[in-house]
Amino acid sequence: MRRGAGRALAGVVLAAAVLAGCSSSADEGDDAGARTSSDGTAKNGDRGTGRPAVKGLTLGGPGSSCALPVTFDLAKDWKPQAVEVEPGSDLAELGEQGTVTLVCEIDAKPAGNLGYLRVWAGKEAGGDPRAALEAFVADEPNAARAAYTKTEAGSVAAVEVAYTVDDDLLGGAKPERAFAVATPEGPVVVHLGGMDEEEHRQMLPAYELARETLKLG
């Protein structure tokens, strides 16, 4: 299997064959976007579905399913699961991209969408978020049209990228988006994909909620 094709199915493959996960915590928090065009660039003022995400759990703090150097809010009904890359696994490379390693998956299926919000972490203290994001995109063989923007995640300086991924298995190009921040433990990348452009658009409010509420842990 081509690496790019494998990444398109990473949600299934990682859970089944590459990563050992822990179930999400029931007491993780209290219940309470920009749309991407076909070329992967953001349209200012457009929030995908036009509806902000309803807050669910808060991820990353003490007792959280995923121990992270950041915290942020999840959309209601999205389910987090900590993951650990198994060294030596035949498919372990799917749990590493650029200079970061997958540490948490947040599943959108309970909320009615097909996709994941994924958190990737590096080990270089501080780290350059732009460099981490560029390496992340460069390690996706079928990535194209990457557009980088300086922004903020909560009140933390961040870099965001919108790009497309061509995948024959899924019928052509689809948009993806990620942002990165530096932390004392290393860079953190939060990534949103989706099975296709429509799923991606519908999940953007959840991604924006995570970006807007992010705090350093």
C-alpha atoms as a PDB file:
ATOM      1  CA  MET A   1       0.000   0.000   0.000  1.00  0.00           C
ATOM      2  CA  ARG A   2       1.212   3.481  -0.815  1.00  0.00           C
ATOM      3  CA  ARG A   3       1.927   5.564   2.244  1.00  0.00           C
ATOM      4  CA  GLY A   4      -0.507   8.240   1.116  1.00  0.00           C
ATOM      5  CA  ALA A   5      -3.284   5.686   0.657  1.00  0.00           C
ATOM      6  CA  GLY A   6      -2.485   4.235   4.069  1.00  0.00           C
ATOM      7  CA  ARG A   7      -2.868   7.636   5.721  1.00  0.00           C
ATOM      8  CA  ALA A   8      -6.345   7.955   4.213  1.00  0.00           C
ATOM      9  CA  LEU A   9      -7.364   4.913   6.238  1.00  0.00           C
ATOM     10  CA  ALA A  10      -5.291   5.765   9.299  1.00  0.00           C
ATOM     11  CA  GLY A  11      -8.269   6.003  11.645  1.00  0.00           C
ATOM     12  CA  VAL A  12      -9.059   2.337  11.127  1.00  0.00           C
ATOM     13  CA  VAL A  13      -5.513   1.100  10.727  1.00  0.00           C
ATOM     14  CA  LEU A  14      -4.059   2.914  13.714  1.00  0.00           C
ATOM     15  CA  ALA A  15      -6.799   1.744  16.041  1.00  0.00           C
ATOM     16  CA  ALA A  16      -6.709  -1.833  14.807  1.00  0.00           C
ATOM     17  CA  ALA A  17      -3.070  -2.574  14.063  1.00  0.00           C
ATOM     18  CA  VAL A  18      -0.663   0.165  15.060  1.00  0.00           C
ATOM     19  CA  LEU A  19      -1.714   1.877  18.244  1.00  0.00           C
ATOM     20  CA  ALA A  20      -2.686   0.729  21.709  1.00  0.00           C
ATOM     21  CA  GLY A  21      -5.302   3.141  23.074  1.00  0.00           C
ATOM     22  CA  CYS A  22      -6.994   3.895  26.371  1.00  0.00           C
ATOM     23  CA  SER A  23     -10.723   4.539  26.704  1.00  0.00           C
ATOM     24  CA  SER A  24     -11.927   8.095  27.165  1.00  0.00           C
ATOM     25  CA  SER A  25     -12.651   9.341  30.660  1.00  0.00           C
ATOM     26  CA  ALA A  26     -16.276   9.950  31.613  1.00  0.00           C
ATOM     27  CA  ASP A  27     -15.421  12.918  33.873  1.00  0.00           C
ATOM     28  CA  GLU A  28     -13.112  14.704  31.471  1.00  0.00           C
ATOM     29  CA  GLY A  29     -14.958  17.997  31.538  1.00  0.00           C
ATOM     30  CA  ASP A  30     -18.393  19.574  31.528  1.00  0.00           C
ATOM     31  CA  ASP A  31     -20.877  19.473  28.663  1.00  0.00           C
ATOM     32  CA  ALA A  32     -21.845  22.621  27.902  1.00  0.00           C
ATOM     33  CA  GLY A  33     -14.141  27.536  11.390  1.00  0.00           C
ATOM     34  CA  ALA A  34     -13.435  28.643   8.612  1.00  0.00           C
ATOM     35  CA  ARG A  35     -14.687  26.824   5.517  1.00  0.00           C
ATOM     36  CA  THR A  36     -12.006  25.421   3.244  1.00  0.00           C
ATOM     37  CA  SER A  37     -12.424  25.877  -0.474  1.00  0.00           C
ATOM     38  CA  SER A  38     -11.577  23.150  -2.967  1.00  0.00           C
ATOM     39  CA  ASP A  39      -8.030  24.484  -3.278  1.00  0.00           C
ATOM     40  CA  GLY A  40      -7.465  24.199   0.478  1.00  0.00           C
ATOM     41  CA  THR A  41      -7.343  27.922   1.251  1.00  0.00           C
ATOM     42  CA  ALA A  42      -9.373  29.526   4.019  1.00  0.00           C
ATOM     43  CA  LYS A  43     -12.300  31.829   3.322  1.00  0.00           C
ATOM     44  CA  ASN A  44     -12.321  34.504   6.018  1.00  0.00           C
ATOM     45  CA  GLY A  45     -15.548  34.814   7.973  1.00  0.00           C
ATOM     46  CA  ASP A  46     -17.004  31.495   6.778  1.00  0.00           C
ATOM     47  CA  ARG A  47     -17.358  28.858   9.499  1.00  0.00           C
ATOM     48  CA  GLY A  48     -18.038  25.775   7.431  1.00  0.00           C
ATOM     49  CA  THR A  49     -21.583  24.872   8.489  1.00  0.00           C
ATOM     50  CA  GLY A  50     -22.200  28.399   9.795  1.00  0.00           C
ATOM     51  CA  ARG A  51     -22.950  27.005  13.271  1.00  0.00           C
ATOM     52  CA  PRO A  52     -20.401  27.120  16.105  1.00  0.00           C
ATOM     53  CA  ALA A  53     -19.640  23.833  17.810  1.00  0.00           C
ATOM     54  CA  VAL A  54     -21.332  23.095  21.135  1.00  0.00           C
ATOM     55  CA  LYS A  55     -18.755  22.529  23.871  1.00  0.00           C
ATOM     56  CA  GLY A  56     -18.370  19.035  25.283  1.00  0.00           C
ATOM     57  CA  LEU A  57     -15.309  17.777  27.154  1.00  0.00           C
ATOM     58  CA  THR A  58     -12.135  19.661  27.946  1.00  0.00           C
ATOM     59  CA  LEU A  59      -9.126  17.633  26.840  1.00  0.00           C
ATOM     60  CA  GLY A  60      -5.572  17.525  28.118  1.00  0.00           C
ATOM     61  CA  GLY A  61      -5.812  18.440  31.791  1.00  0.00           C
ATOM     62  CA  PRO A  62      -5.395  16.284  34.937  1.00  0.00           C
ATOM     63  CA  GLY A  63      -7.438  13.115  34.641  1.00  0.00           C
ATOM     64  CA  SER A  64      -7.939  13.612  30.934  1.00  0.00           C
ATOM     65  CA  SER A  65      -7.993  10.674  28.521  1.00  0.00           C
ATOM     66  CA  CYS A  66      -5.013  12.176  26.710  1.00  0.00           C
ATOM     67  CA  ALA A  67      -2.127  13.608  28.722  1.00  0.00           C
ATOM     68  CA  LEU A  68      -1.085  16.648  26.698  1.00  0.00           C
ATOM     69  CA  PRO A  69       1.069  19.758  27.183  1.00  0.00           C
ATOM     70  CA  VAL A  70      -2.014  21.780  26.128  1.00  0.00           C
ATOM     71  CA  THR A  71      -5.713  21.802  26.939  1.00  0.00           C
ATOM     72  CA  PHE A  72      -8.630  22.642  24.663  1.00  0.00           C
ATOM     73  CA  ASP A  73     -12.377  22.125  24.406  1.00  0.00           C
ATOM     74  CA  LEU A  74     -13.922  19.383  22.298  1.00  0.00           C
ATOM     75  CA  ALA A  75     -17.187  19.573  20.446  1.00  0.00           C
ATOM     76  CA  LYS A  76     -20.067  17.775  22.124  1.00  0.00           C
ATOM     77  CA  ASP A  77     -20.116  13.985  21.617  1.00  0.00           C
ATOM     78  CA  TRP A  78     -16.621  13.825  20.097  1.00  0.00           C
ATOM     79  CA  LYS A  79     -14.813  10.981  21.858  1.00  0.00           C
ATOM     80  CA  PRO A  80     -11.076  11.159  22.698  1.00  0.00           C
ATOM     81  CA  GLN A  81      -8.747   8.209  22.979  1.00  0.00           C
ATOM     82  CA  ALA A  82      -5.097   8.219  23.952  1.00  0.00           C
ATOM     83  CA  VAL A  83      -2.827   6.344  21.549  1.00  0.00           C
ATOM     84  CA  GLU A  84       0.668   4.960  21.799  1.00  0.00           C
ATOM     85  CA  VAL A  85       2.775   4.045  18.804  1.00  0.00           C
ATOM     86  CA  GLU A  86       4.045   0.497  19.120  1.00  0.00           C
ATOM     87  CA  PRO A  87       7.754   0.474  18.215  1.00  0.00           C
ATOM     88  CA  GLY A  88       8.608  -2.085  15.586  1.00  0.00           C
ATOM     89  CA  SER A  89       5.067  -2.519  14.302  1.00  0.00           C
ATOM     90  CA  ASP A  90       4.805  -3.097  10.564  1.00  0.00           C
ATOM     91  CA  LEU A  91       2.558  -0.031  10.304  1.00  0.00           C
ATOM     92  CA  ALA A  92       4.160   2.095  13.015  1.00  0.00           C
ATOM     93  CA  GLU A  93       5.165   4.755  10.480  1.00  0.00           C
ATOM     94  CA  LEU A  94       1.496   5.735  10.212  1.00  0.00           C
ATOM     95  CA  GLY A  95       1.752   6.961  13.812  1.00  0.00           C
ATOM     96  CA  GLU A  96       4.630   9.295  12.984  1.00  0.00           C
ATOM     97  CA  GLN A  97       4.526  12.217  10.569  1.00  0.00           C
ATOM     98  CA  GLY A  98       7.331  14.707  10.100  1.00  0.00           C
ATOM     99  CA  THR A  99       8.865  15.346  13.525  1.00  0.00           C
ATOM    100  CA  VAL A 100       5.754  14.541  15.574  1.00  0.00           C
ATOM    101  CA  THR A 101       4.054  11.400  16.868  1.00  0.00           C
ATOM    102  CA  LEU A 102       0.343  10.744  17.218  1.00  0.00           C
ATOM    103  CA  VAL A 103      -0.724  10.878  20.877  1.00  0.00           C
ATOM    104  CA  CYS A 104      -4.501  11.354  20.779  1.00  0.00           C
ATOM    105  CA  GLU A 105      -7.428  10.736  18.442  1.00  0.00           C
ATOM    106  CA  ILE A 106     -10.814  12.417  18.867  1.00  0.00           C
ATOM    107  CA  ASP A 107     -13.498  10.497  16.978  1.00  0.00           C
ATOM    108  CA  ALA A 108     -16.328  12.425  15.307  1.00  0.00           C
ATOM    109  CA  LYS A 109     -18.514   9.383  14.605  1.00  0.00           C
ATOM    110  CA  PRO A 110     -20.568   9.685  17.839  1.00  0.00           C
ATOM    111  CA  ALA A 111     -21.400  13.238  16.706  1.00  0.00           C
ATOM    112  CA  GLY A 112     -22.491  12.032  13.266  1.00  0.00           C
ATOM    113  CA  ASN A 113     -19.401  12.632  11.106  1.00  0.00           C
ATOM    114  CA  LEU A 114     -16.685  10.447   9.597  1.00  0.00           C
ATOM    115  CA  GLY A 115     -13.328  11.785  10.674  1.00  0.00           C
ATOM    116  CA  TYR A 116     -10.936  12.532  13.479  1.00  0.00           C
ATOM    117  CA  LEU A 117      -9.307  15.460  15.168  1.00  0.00           C
ATOM    118  CA  ARG A 118      -5.785  14.207  15.867  1.00  0.00           C
ATOM    119  CA  VAL A 119      -3.143  15.548  18.213  1.00  0.00           C
ATOM    120  CA  TRP A 120       0.529  14.989  17.390  1.00  0.00           C
ATOM    121  CA  ALA A 121       3.423  15.899  19.696  1.00  0.00           C
ATOM    122  CA  GLY A 122       7.156  16.368  19.258  1.00  0.00           C
ATOM    123  CA  LYS A 123       9.934  16.021  21.809  1.00  0.00           C
ATOM    124  CA  GLU A 124      12.084  19.051  21.047  1.00  0.00           C
ATOM    125  CA  ALA A 125      11.488  21.492  23.924  1.00  0.00           C
ATOM    126  CA  GLY A 126       9.928  24.672  22.621  1.00  0.00           C
ATOM    127  CA  GLY A 127      10.349  23.826  18.980  1.00  0.00           C
ATOM    128  CA  ASP A 128       9.423  25.916  15.963  1.00  0.00           C
ATOM    129  CA  PRO A 129       5.714  25.428  15.180  1.00  0.00           C
ATOM    130  CA  ARG A 130       6.181  26.512  11.558  1.00  0.00           C
ATOM    131  CA  ALA A 131       8.983  23.996  11.063  1.00  0.00           C
ATOM    132  CA  ALA A 132       6.935  21.245  12.721  1.00  0.00           C
ATOM    133  CA  LEU A 133       3.959  22.031  10.507  1.00  0.00           C
ATOM    134  CA  GLU A 134       6.038  22.170   7.326  1.00  0.00           C
ATOM    135  CA  ALA A 135       7.634  18.816   8.157  1.00  0.00           C
ATOM    136  CA  PHE A 136       4.182  17.387   8.906  1.00  0.00           C
ATOM    137  CA  VAL A 137       2.822  18.421   5.505  1.00  0.00           C
ATOM    138  CA  ALA A 138       6.016  17.419   3.683  1.00  0.00           C
ATOM    139  CA  ASP A 139       5.673  13.873   5.060  1.00  0.00           C
ATOM    140  CA  GLU A 140       2.249  13.507   3.418  1.00  0.00           C
ATOM    141  CA  PRO A 141       3.180  12.294  -0.102  1.00  0.00           C
ATOM    142  CA  ASN A 142       0.036  13.599  -1.782  1.00  0.00           C
ATOM    143  CA  ALA A 143      -0.211  16.999  -0.081  1.00  0.00           C
ATOM    144  CA  ALA A 144      -0.529  20.051  -2.339  1.00  0.00           C
ATOM    145  CA  ARG A 145      -1.432  23.743  -2.315  1.00  0.00           C
ATOM    146  CA  ALA A 146      -0.290  24.292   1.268  1.00  0.00           C
ATOM    147  CA  ALA A 147      -0.996  27.807   2.534  1.00  0.00           C
ATOM    148  CA  TYR A 148       0.547  28.811   5.884  1.00  0.00           C
ATOM    149  CA  THR A 149      -0.779  31.572   8.132  1.00  0.00           C
ATOM    150  CA  LYS A 150       0.422  33.063  11.419  1.00  0.00           C
ATOM    151  CA  THR A 151      -2.435  33.020  13.892  1.00  0.00           C
ATOM    152  CA  GLU A 152      -3.268  32.398  17.541  1.00  0.00           C
ATOM    153  CA  ALA A 153      -4.574  29.305  19.292  1.00  0.00           C
ATOM    154  CA  GLY A 154      -6.358  30.787  22.263  1.00  0.00           C
ATOM    155  CA  SER A 155      -3.804  33.388  23.318  1.00  0.00           C
ATOM    156  CA  VAL A 156      -0.836  31.272  22.168  1.00  0.00           C
ATOM    157  CA  ALA A 157       1.091  32.149  19.012  1.00  0.00           C
ATOM    158  CA  ALA A 158       0.397  29.515  16.369  1.00  0.00           C
ATOM    159  CA  VAL A 159       0.868  28.672  12.715  1.00  0.00           C
ATOM    160  CA  GLU A 160      -1.948  27.196  10.648  1.00  0.00           C
ATOM    161  CA  VAL A 161      -1.893  25.409   7.308  1.00  0.00           C
ATOM    162  CA  ALA A 162      -4.673  24.592   4.845  1.00  0.00           C
ATOM    163  CA  TYR A 163      -3.849  22.120   2.081  1.00  0.00           C
ATOM    164  CA  THR A 164      -5.288  19.388  -0.095  1.00  0.00           C
ATOM    165  CA  VAL A 165      -4.518  15.681  -0.285  1.00  0.00           C
ATOM    166  CA  ASP A 166      -5.010  13.696  -3.486  1.00  0.00           C
ATOM    167  CA  ASP A 167      -6.165  10.153  -2.838  1.00  0.00           C
ATOM    168  CA  ASP A 168      -7.349   7.834  -5.578  1.00  0.00           C
ATOM    169  CA  LEU A 169      -9.104   5.590  -3.050  1.00  0.00           C
ATOM    170  CA  LEU A 170     -11.358   8.456  -1.984  1.00  0.00           C
ATOM    171  CA  GLY A 171     -11.983   9.926  -5.410  1.00  0.00           C
ATOM    172  CA  GLY A 172      -9.536  12.798  -5.711  1.00  0.00           C
ATOM    173  CA  ALA A 173      -8.481  15.843  -3.712  1.00  0.00           C
ATOM    174  CA  LYS A 174      -9.876  16.628  -0.280  1.00  0.00           C
ATOM    175  CA  PRO A 175      -9.065  19.520   2.073  1.00  0.00           C
ATOM    176  CA  GLU A 176      -7.128  19.158   5.310  1.00  0.00           C
ATOM    177  CA  ARG A 177      -6.116  21.638   7.966  1.00  0.00           C
ATOM    178  CA  ALA A 178      -3.768  21.767  10.945  1.00  0.00           C
ATOM    179  CA  PHE A 179      -2.317  24.232  13.421  1.00  0.00           C
ATOM    180  CA  ALA A 180       0.810  24.016  15.541  1.00  0.00           C
ATOM    181  CA  VAL A 181       2.010  25.649  18.753  1.00  0.00           C
ATOM    182  CA  ALA A 182       5.251  25.494  20.721  1.00  0.00           C
ATOM    183  CA  THR A 183       5.181  24.174  24.299  1.00  0.00           C
ATOM    184  CA  PRO A 184       7.919  23.595  26.888  1.00  0.00           C
ATOM    185  CA  GLU A 185       7.656  19.877  26.114  1.00  0.00           C
ATOM    186  CA  GLY A 186       7.811  20.235  22.340  1.00  0.00           C
ATOM    187  CA  PRO A 187       5.623  21.285  19.411  1.00  0.00           C
ATOM    188  CA  VAL A 188       2.001  20.188  19.259  1.00  0.00           C
ATOM    189  CA  VAL A 189       0.112  19.782  15.984  1.00  0.00           C
ATOM    190  CA  VAL A 190      -3.685  19.531  15.904  1.00  0.00           C
ATOM    191  CA  HIS A 191      -4.936  18.153  12.580  1.00  0.00           C
ATOM    192  CA  LEU A 192      -8.338  17.767  10.953  1.00  0.00           C
ATOM    193  CA  GLY A 193      -8.886  15.611   7.890  1.00  0.00           C
ATOM    194  CA  GLY A 194     -12.144  13.921   6.936  1.00  0.00           C
ATOM    195  CA  MET A 195     -13.324  11.392   4.398  1.00  0.00           C
ATOM    196  CA  ASP A 196     -14.175  14.076   1.832  1.00  0.00           C
ATOM    197  CA  GLU A 197     -14.716  17.809   1.433  1.00  0.00           C
ATOM    198  CA  GLU A 198     -18.252  17.750   2.842  1.00  0.00           C
ATOM    199  CA  GLU A 199     -17.256  15.843   5.983  1.00  0.00           C
ATOM    200  CA  HIS A 200     -14.302  18.183   6.445  1.00  0.00           C
ATOM    201  CA  ARG A 201     -16.539  21.240   6.135  1.00  0.00           C
ATOM    202  CA  GLN A 202     -19.018  19.879   8.668  1.00  0.00           C
ATOM    203  CA  MET A 203     -16.248  19.189  11.189  1.00  0.00           C
ATOM    204  CA  LEU A 204     -14.510  22.565  10.890  1.00  0.00           C
ATOM    205  CA  PRO A 205     -16.467  24.133  13.794  1.00  0.00           C
ATOM    206  CA  ALA A 206     -15.039  21.443  16.115  1.00  0.00           C
ATOM    207  CA  TYR A 207     -11.540  22.194  14.862  1.00  0.00           C
ATOM    208  CA  GLU A 208     -12.096  25.930  15.362  1.00  0.00           C
ATOM    209  CA  LEU A 209     -13.381  25.316  18.903  1.00  0.00           C
ATOM    210  CA  ALA A 210     -10.181  23.441  19.720  1.00  0.00           C
ATOM    211  CA  ARG A 211      -8.033  26.221  18.244  1.00  0.00           C
ATOM    212  CA  GLU A 212      -9.900  29.055  19.934  1.00  0.00           C
ATOM    213  CA  THR A 213      -9.885  27.466  23.404  1.00  0.00           C
ATOM    214  CA  LEU A 214      -6.324  26.097  23.469  1.00  0.00           C
ATOM    215  CA  LYS A 215      -4.180  26.862  26.519  1.00  0.00           C
ATOM    216  CA  LEU A 216      -0.717  25.695  27.492  1.00  0.00           C
ATOM    217  CA  GLY A 217      -0.908  22.992  30.133  1.00  0.00           C
END
